[in-house]
Amino acid sequence: MKWNTQIEIGERVIAPGQPTYFIADIASSHDGELSRAVELIHLAAAAGADCAKFQHFLAKDIVSDEGFAAMGSQSAHQAGWKQSVFEVFEKYQTPRDWTQTLVDACKEAGIDYMTTPYDEAVLDMMAPLLKAWKIGSGDMGWPQFIGKVAARGKPVFLATGASSMDDVERAVAAVLAHTPQLCLMQCNTNYTGALENFGYINLNVLRGFADRFPGMVLGLSDHTPGHATVLGAIALGARAVEKHFTDDNSRAGPDHGFSMNPQTWRDMVERSRELELALGDGQKRVEPNERDASVVQRRCLRARHDLPIGKVLAADDLEALRPRTEGSIEPYEQDRVLGRPLAIAIAKGEALTWEMLAGMAP
């Protein structure tokens, strides 16, 4: 299998050393109102999102009403829903006749438009309108569909929540059979927003992905509160981050409670940009902004007392003191100095340089 070490979304390059690409998953936060969906696109853009993503499903094609009814209970994040799972999905699905309006709104806001498709019909509809696809964690066990998405030839963001490495390898193979443009995203599929979820996000899986798929573009699809998970993922090499987005966490609806809002999103992006700067290139060196400090805080060899010309230097003639002036000899070089005669006389406290030693060169 071959994969790209960078992917391109329009003019944006997603790769190590590039700014993290932030995907605002508006999902069901539009609450069934097109005007809200458009407003959320503009709010996400203003908060620093690079992309507004929607989820295109039809309730009848994604959930079994009978199947959920037979379960007799709902998962933790669904427990508070006042309607059945099928009814909620039907209420919050993104109408397909909104599509061009949403695409136009993204263009006006200056961000990318994306969706997570959940049926084959939407693939043909969306393919001409977007630059990349997102595959949700819930379809990790459906490689046939993943392959059909990837066959459209556009970059694929693949979330891997609630799956094993065998699942990941199977899904990755389904994508790579059609396109090398893949971003593999660590994810924990729990939508409660509970603090204990930090114990399960398992960011070091990103290390495992990097070992198994060297050079593959990595990302994070996240539902935890705050910024710790995002910052940790970026530090471990993730260069695409997806989070849910709303304008008001107190609104009723399946996604609002665990979503980011404009203020927290902006803060997330700003902290991430700081981290990206702080990560640097990994080359250890004296940085430009610490050159002055390297003079005033490091030590050099200085005369402990006045020393005449010709004096053969001994350890008690020298002491290591700040500042280390330009051209001076540092303490780690003392063994090269001892036993050498002075070419000139030097005064107490004067910094020793190579030019002061007879027959010596730096």
Protein backbone atom coordinates (compact mmCIF):
# COMPACT_ATOMS: atom_id res chain seq x y z
CA MET A 1 0.00 0.00 0.00
CA LYS A 2 1.21 3.51 -0.81
CA TRP A 3 0.05 6.75 0.74
CA ASN A 4 0.90 10.41 0.41
CA THR A 5 2.95 12.13 3.09
CA GLN A 6 0.87 15.25 2.55
CA ILE A 7 -2.60 15.95 1.25
CA GLU A 8 -3.93 19.08 -0.37
CA ILE A 9 -7.34 20.62 0.25
CA GLY A 10 -7.55 23.36 -2.32
CA GLU A 11 -4.58 25.61 -1.58
CA ARG A 12 -4.03 24.17 1.89
CA VAL A 13 -1.33 21.57 2.46
CA ILE A 14 -1.85 19.22 5.38
CA ALA A 15 1.46 17.75 6.46
CA PRO A 16 4.07 17.86 9.25
CA GLY A 17 5.44 21.35 9.57
CA GLN A 18 2.22 22.90 8.26
CA PRO A 19 -0.46 24.66 10.36
CA THR A 20 -3.12 22.36 11.74
CA TYR A 21 -6.27 22.18 9.62
CA PHE A 22 -9.38 22.75 11.78
CA ILE A 23 -12.69 21.18 10.77
CA ALA A 24 -15.81 22.53 12.47
CA ASP A 25 -18.40 19.75 12.48
CA ILE A 26 -21.71 21.63 12.44
CA ALA A 27 -23.54 18.30 12.13
CA SER A 28 -26.98 18.63 13.74
CA SER A 29 -26.31 21.96 15.46
CA HIS A 30 -28.36 23.70 12.77
CA ASP A 31 -31.44 22.34 14.61
CA GLY A 32 -33.28 21.92 11.33
CA GLU A 33 -32.98 25.59 10.31
CA LEU A 34 -31.09 26.58 7.17
CA SER A 35 -30.52 30.12 8.43
CA ARG A 36 -28.83 28.70 11.54
CA ALA A 37 -26.64 26.47 9.42
CA VAL A 38 -25.47 29.47 7.39
CA GLU A 39 -24.88 31.53 10.52
CA LEU A 40 -22.83 28.73 12.08
CA ILE A 41 -20.63 28.57 8.98
CA HIS A 42 -19.78 32.26 9.35
CA LEU A 43 -19.27 31.97 13.11
CA ALA A 44 -16.93 29.01 12.63
CA ALA A 45 -14.92 30.89 10.02
CA ALA A 46 -14.63 33.95 12.27
CA ALA A 47 -13.44 31.70 15.12
CA GLY A 48 -10.61 30.29 12.99
CA ALA A 49 -12.05 27.16 11.37
CA ASP A 50 -10.61 26.11 8.02
CA CYS A 51 -13.61 24.02 7.08
CA ALA A 52 -17.31 23.66 7.94
CA LYS A 53 -18.48 20.07 7.83
CA PHE A 54 -21.97 18.66 7.72
CA GLN A 55 -23.34 15.15 7.98
CA HIS A 56 -25.54 13.92 5.18
CA PHE A 57 -27.72 11.01 6.18
CA LEU A 58 -31.33 10.04 5.92
CA ALA A 59 -32.68 8.46 9.07
CA LYS A 60 -34.16 5.54 7.13
CA ASP A 61 -30.74 4.77 5.60
CA ILE A 62 -28.65 4.95 8.75
CA VAL A 63 -30.63 3.57 11.69
CA SER A 64 -33.14 0.81 12.23
CA ASP A 65 -36.11 2.04 14.22
CA GLU A 66 -36.98 -1.54 15.06
CA GLY A 67 -33.41 -2.34 16.04
CA PHE A 68 -33.13 0.50 18.55
CA ALA A 69 -36.59 -0.22 19.90
CA ALA A 70 -35.60 -3.83 20.49
CA MET A 71 -32.53 -2.74 22.48
CA GLY A 72 -34.84 -1.36 25.17
CA SER A 73 -32.31 1.32 26.22
CA GLN A 74 -30.10 3.94 24.66
CA SER A 75 -26.43 4.70 25.09
CA ALA A 76 -25.29 7.28 27.63
CA HIS A 77 -25.35 10.31 25.37
CA GLN A 78 -28.76 9.29 23.97
CA ALA A 79 -30.34 8.57 27.36
CA GLY A 80 -31.70 12.09 27.72
CA TRP A 81 -33.32 12.20 24.30
CA LYS A 82 -37.07 12.69 24.56
CA GLN A 83 -37.71 10.98 21.23
CA SER A 84 -36.58 7.69 19.76
CA VAL A 85 -33.20 7.45 18.06
CA PHE A 86 -34.92 7.21 14.69
CA GLU A 87 -37.05 10.30 15.37
CA VAL A 88 -34.05 12.34 16.50
CA PHE A 89 -32.04 11.37 13.42
CA GLU A 90 -34.98 12.25 11.23
CA LYS A 91 -35.43 15.62 12.94
CA TYR A 92 -31.78 16.65 12.72
CA GLN A 93 -30.78 15.30 9.32
CA THR A 94 -29.36 17.91 6.93
CA PRO A 95 -31.85 18.46 4.09
CA ARG A 96 -30.21 17.88 0.73
CA ASP A 97 -31.89 20.85 -0.89
CA TRP A 98 -29.81 23.07 1.43
CA THR A 99 -26.60 21.96 -0.24
CA GLN A 100 -25.91 24.78 -2.69
CA THR A 101 -26.75 27.39 -0.06
CA LEU A 102 -24.27 25.81 2.34
CA VAL A 103 -21.59 25.55 -0.32
CA ASP A 104 -22.10 29.21 -1.23
CA ALA A 105 -22.00 30.25 2.43
CA CYS A 106 -18.67 28.47 2.91
CA LYS A 107 -17.25 30.16 -0.15
CA GLU A 108 -18.43 33.55 1.11
CA ALA A 109 -16.93 32.86 4.55
CA GLY A 110 -13.62 31.81 2.97
CA ILE A 111 -13.55 28.27 4.33
CA ASP A 112 -13.93 24.81 2.82
CA TYR A 113 -17.15 22.84 2.65
CA MET A 114 -17.13 19.18 3.60
CA THR A 115 -19.53 16.44 4.57
CA THR A 116 -19.65 12.99 6.04
CA PRO A 117 -21.71 10.87 3.62
CA TYR A 118 -23.81 8.00 4.90
CA ASP A 119 -25.35 6.61 1.72
CA GLU A 120 -24.36 6.12 -1.89
CA ALA A 121 -26.89 8.58 -3.31
CA VAL A 122 -25.22 11.50 -1.60
CA LEU A 123 -21.82 10.63 -3.08
CA ASP A 124 -22.81 11.56 -6.62
CA MET A 125 -24.58 14.65 -5.36
CA MET A 126 -21.67 15.97 -3.28
CA ALA A 127 -18.67 14.89 -5.34
CA PRO A 128 -18.63 18.00 -7.60
CA LEU A 129 -19.09 20.35 -4.64
CA LEU A 130 -16.38 19.48 -2.14
CA LYS A 131 -12.62 19.02 -1.93
CA ALA A 132 -12.50 16.14 0.55
CA TRP A 133 -14.63 13.56 2.36
CA LYS A 134 -14.87 12.64 6.03
CA ILE A 135 -15.66 9.04 6.99
CA GLY A 136 -17.30 8.72 10.39
CA SER A 137 -16.14 6.16 12.96
CA GLY A 138 -19.48 4.39 12.73
CA ASP A 139 -18.61 3.14 9.25
CA MET A 140 -15.24 1.61 10.14
CA GLY A 141 -16.79 -1.81 9.70
CA TRP A 142 -18.14 -1.06 6.22
CA PRO A 143 -15.11 -1.18 3.90
CA GLN A 144 -17.36 -1.57 0.85
CA PHE A 145 -18.80 1.91 1.41
CA ILE A 146 -15.43 3.39 2.39
CA GLY A 147 -14.07 2.17 -0.92
CA LYS A 148 -16.91 3.81 -2.82
CA VAL A 149 -16.19 7.13 -1.12
CA ALA A 150 -12.46 6.89 -1.83
CA ALA A 151 -13.16 5.93 -5.45
CA ARG A 152 -14.30 9.53 -6.02
CA GLY A 153 -10.60 10.40 -6.00
CA LYS A 154 -10.66 13.11 -3.34
CA PRO A 155 -8.75 13.20 -0.03
CA VAL A 156 -10.36 11.18 2.75
CA PHE A 157 -10.36 11.97 6.48
CA LEU A 158 -10.92 8.67 8.26
CA ALA A 159 -12.02 8.70 11.93
CA THR A 160 -11.23 5.51 13.82
CA GLY A 161 -13.33 5.61 17.02
CA ALA A 162 -14.58 2.40 18.63
CA SER A 163 -12.33 0.25 16.46
CA SER A 164 -9.34 -2.04 16.71
CA MET A 165 -6.10 -1.89 14.74
CA ASP A 166 -7.47 -4.69 12.56
CA ASP A 167 -10.46 -2.45 11.78
CA VAL A 168 -8.10 0.42 11.01
CA GLU A 169 -5.94 -1.63 8.67
CA ARG A 170 -9.02 -2.89 6.82
CA ALA A 171 -10.46 0.62 6.42
CA VAL A 172 -7.11 2.11 5.42
CA ALA A 173 -6.74 -0.57 2.76
CA ALA A 174 -10.21 0.26 1.45
CA VAL A 175 -9.20 3.90 1.00
CA LEU A 176 -5.74 3.24 -0.43
CA ALA A 177 -7.15 0.88 -3.03
CA HIS A 178 -8.51 4.02 -4.72
CA THR A 179 -6.50 7.03 -3.52
CA PRO A 180 -3.27 7.69 -1.59
CA GLN A 181 -4.78 10.90 -0.15
CA LEU A 182 -5.64 9.82 3.38
CA CYS A 183 -5.63 11.50 6.79
CA LEU A 184 -5.90 8.87 9.53
CA MET A 185 -7.61 10.29 12.63
CA GLN A 186 -7.50 8.96 16.17
CA CYS A 187 -10.93 9.19 17.80
CA ASN A 188 -12.77 8.07 20.89
CA THR A 189 -16.45 7.62 20.10
CA ASN A 190 -18.05 8.83 23.28
CA TYR A 191 -20.26 11.91 23.05
CA THR A 192 -21.01 12.52 26.73
CA GLY A 193 -18.33 15.19 27.18
CA ALA A 194 -17.50 13.64 30.56
CA LEU A 195 -14.10 14.38 32.11
CA GLU A 196 -13.38 10.67 32.58
CA ASN A 197 -13.20 10.37 28.80
CA PHE A 198 -9.67 11.75 28.98
CA GLY A 199 -8.72 8.33 30.33
CA TYR A 200 -9.84 6.72 27.10
CA ILE A 201 -8.80 9.09 24.32
CA ASN A 202 -5.45 7.24 24.11
CA LEU A 203 -3.51 9.80 22.10
CA ASN A 204 -0.48 7.53 21.96
CA VAL A 205 -2.37 5.56 19.33
CA LEU A 206 -1.04 8.29 17.05
CA ARG A 207 2.44 6.89 17.73
CA GLY A 208 1.15 3.46 16.78
CA PHE A 209 -0.31 4.85 13.55
CA ALA A 210 3.01 6.55 12.76
CA ASP A 211 4.87 3.27 13.28
CA ARG A 212 2.41 1.21 11.25
CA PHE A 213 1.99 3.77 8.45
CA PRO A 214 5.22 5.83 8.35
CA GLY A 215 4.72 9.29 6.94
CA MET A 216 0.94 9.03 6.69
CA VAL A 217 -0.92 12.26 7.48
CA LEU A 218 -2.46 11.99 10.96
CA GLY A 219 -5.34 13.76 12.63
CA LEU A 220 -7.77 13.81 15.54
CA SER A 221 -11.56 13.67 15.66
CA ASP A 222 -12.42 14.69 19.20
CA HIS A 223 -15.34 15.09 21.60
CA THR A 224 -13.54 15.83 24.87
CA PRO A 225 -13.97 19.20 26.62
CA GLY A 226 -11.29 21.86 26.57
CA HIS A 227 -8.04 21.84 24.62
CA ALA A 228 -5.81 19.24 26.29
CA THR A 229 -6.60 16.47 23.83
CA VAL A 230 -6.16 18.70 20.79
CA LEU A 231 -2.84 20.12 21.99
CA GLY A 232 -1.56 16.66 22.88
CA ALA A 233 -2.53 15.31 19.46
CA ILE A 234 -0.75 18.16 17.68
CA ALA A 235 2.37 17.52 19.76
CA LEU A 236 2.20 13.87 18.65
CA GLY A 237 1.98 14.79 14.98
CA ALA A 238 -1.72 15.33 14.20
CA ARG A 239 -2.20 18.03 11.56
CA ALA A 240 -5.98 17.93 11.14
CA VAL A 241 -8.44 18.36 13.99
CA GLU A 242 -12.21 17.92 13.88
CA LYS A 243 -14.49 19.12 16.68
CA HIS A 244 -18.22 19.72 16.85
CA PHE A 245 -19.30 23.35 16.69
CA THR A 246 -22.31 25.29 17.96
CA ASP A 247 -23.13 28.85 18.93
CA ASP A 248 -24.71 27.98 22.27
CA ASN A 249 -23.94 24.92 24.42
CA SER A 250 -27.19 25.31 26.36
CA ARG A 251 -29.46 24.72 23.37
CA ALA A 252 -31.54 21.56 23.21
CA GLY A 253 -30.28 19.06 20.67
CA PRO A 254 -28.03 16.01 20.45
CA ASP A 255 -24.69 17.77 19.82
CA HIS A 256 -24.77 21.15 21.55
CA GLY A 257 -23.59 20.03 24.98
CA PHE A 258 -20.23 18.60 23.92
CA SER A 259 -19.55 21.04 21.06
CA MET A 260 -17.11 23.92 20.94
CA ASN A 261 -18.56 27.42 20.71
CA PRO A 262 -17.05 30.47 18.97
CA GLN A 263 -15.09 31.56 22.04
CA THR A 264 -13.68 28.14 22.95
CA TRP A 265 -12.95 27.41 19.29
CA ARG A 266 -10.98 30.62 18.89
CA ASP A 267 -9.06 29.84 22.08
CA MET A 268 -8.33 26.32 20.81
CA VAL A 269 -6.94 27.64 17.53
CA GLU A 270 -4.80 30.30 19.23
CA ARG A 271 -3.35 27.83 21.74
CA SER A 272 -2.67 25.41 18.89
CA ARG A 273 -0.83 28.04 16.87
CA GLU A 274 1.30 28.80 19.93
CA LEU A 275 2.08 25.12 20.30
CA GLU A 276 3.00 24.78 16.62
CA LEU A 277 5.50 27.60 17.03
CA ALA A 278 6.83 26.05 20.23
CA LEU A 279 7.35 22.62 18.63
CA GLY A 280 9.95 23.98 16.22
CA ASP A 281 11.98 21.80 13.87
CA GLY A 282 13.74 19.56 16.40
CA GLN A 283 17.22 20.96 15.67
CA LYS A 284 19.00 21.77 18.96
CA ARG A 285 20.86 25.05 18.70
CA VAL A 286 21.36 28.41 20.41
CA GLU A 287 18.23 30.20 19.24
CA PRO A 288 18.40 33.82 18.07
CA ASN A 289 16.30 35.02 21.00
CA GLU A 290 18.66 33.49 23.59
CA ARG A 291 21.99 34.66 22.21
CA ASP A 292 22.16 37.54 24.67
CA ALA A 293 21.31 35.16 27.50
CA SER A 294 24.04 32.79 26.36
CA VAL A 295 26.50 35.60 26.99
CA VAL A 296 25.27 36.79 30.37
CA GLN A 297 24.39 33.38 31.83
CA ARG A 298 27.18 31.15 30.54
CA ARG A 299 30.66 31.23 32.07
CA CYS A 300 34.13 31.69 30.64
CA LEU A 301 37.61 31.31 32.10
CA ARG A 302 38.83 34.50 33.79
CA ALA A 303 42.05 35.40 35.53
CA ARG A 304 41.79 34.82 39.28
CA HIS A 305 44.57 37.40 39.78
CA ASP A 306 46.95 39.49 37.67
CA LEU A 307 49.00 37.21 35.44
CA PRO A 308 52.30 38.27 33.83
CA ILE A 309 53.45 37.52 30.27
CA GLY A 310 54.97 34.06 30.00
CA LYS A 311 53.06 32.71 33.00
CA VAL A 312 52.40 28.98 32.61
CA LEU A 313 48.76 28.61 33.51
CA ALA A 314 47.67 26.41 36.40
CA ALA A 315 44.16 25.58 37.60
CA ASP A 316 44.34 28.04 40.49
CA ASP A 317 45.12 30.88 38.07
CA LEU A 318 41.65 30.66 36.55
CA GLU A 319 38.03 30.71 37.61
CA ALA A 320 34.76 30.17 35.71
CA LEU A 321 32.58 33.29 35.90
CA ARG A 322 29.83 35.02 33.96
CA PRO A 323 29.56 36.66 31.46
CA ARG A 324 30.99 34.62 28.59
CA THR A 325 32.15 37.44 26.34
CA GLU A 326 32.62 36.90 22.62
CA GLY A 327 35.76 34.92 21.79
CA SER A 328 36.38 33.83 25.37
CA ILE A 329 37.34 30.30 26.40
CA GLU A 330 34.69 28.22 28.15
CA PRO A 331 35.33 25.96 31.17
CA TYR A 332 34.93 22.74 29.16
CA GLU A 333 38.08 23.75 27.24
CA GLN A 334 40.23 24.20 30.36
CA ASP A 335 42.38 21.11 29.77
CA ARG A 336 43.67 22.67 26.53
CA VAL A 337 44.68 25.79 28.45
CA LEU A 338 46.52 24.42 31.49
CA GLY A 339 50.28 24.26 31.11
CA ARG A 340 50.34 26.87 28.35
CA PRO A 341 52.30 30.13 28.70
CA LEU A 342 50.66 33.50 28.28
CA ALA A 343 51.61 35.53 25.23
CA ILE A 344 50.56 38.74 27.01
CA ALA A 345 49.94 39.86 30.56
CA ILE A 346 46.30 39.84 31.67
CA ALA A 347 44.62 41.56 34.59
CA LYS A 348 42.51 40.02 37.34
CA GLY A 349 38.98 39.29 36.07
CA GLU A 350 39.92 39.52 32.40
CA ALA A 351 38.41 36.88 30.13
CA LEU A 352 40.89 34.45 28.63
CA THR A 353 40.99 34.16 24.83
CA TRP A 354 42.98 31.90 22.53
CA GLU A 355 45.00 34.86 21.26
CA MET A 356 46.40 35.36 24.79
CA LEU A 357 48.09 31.96 24.74
CA ALA A 358 51.46 31.44 23.11
CA GLY A 359 51.34 29.16 20.11
CA MET A 360 47.61 28.43 20.47
CA ALA A 361 44.78 28.76 17.98
CA PRO A 362 41.08 28.32 18.59
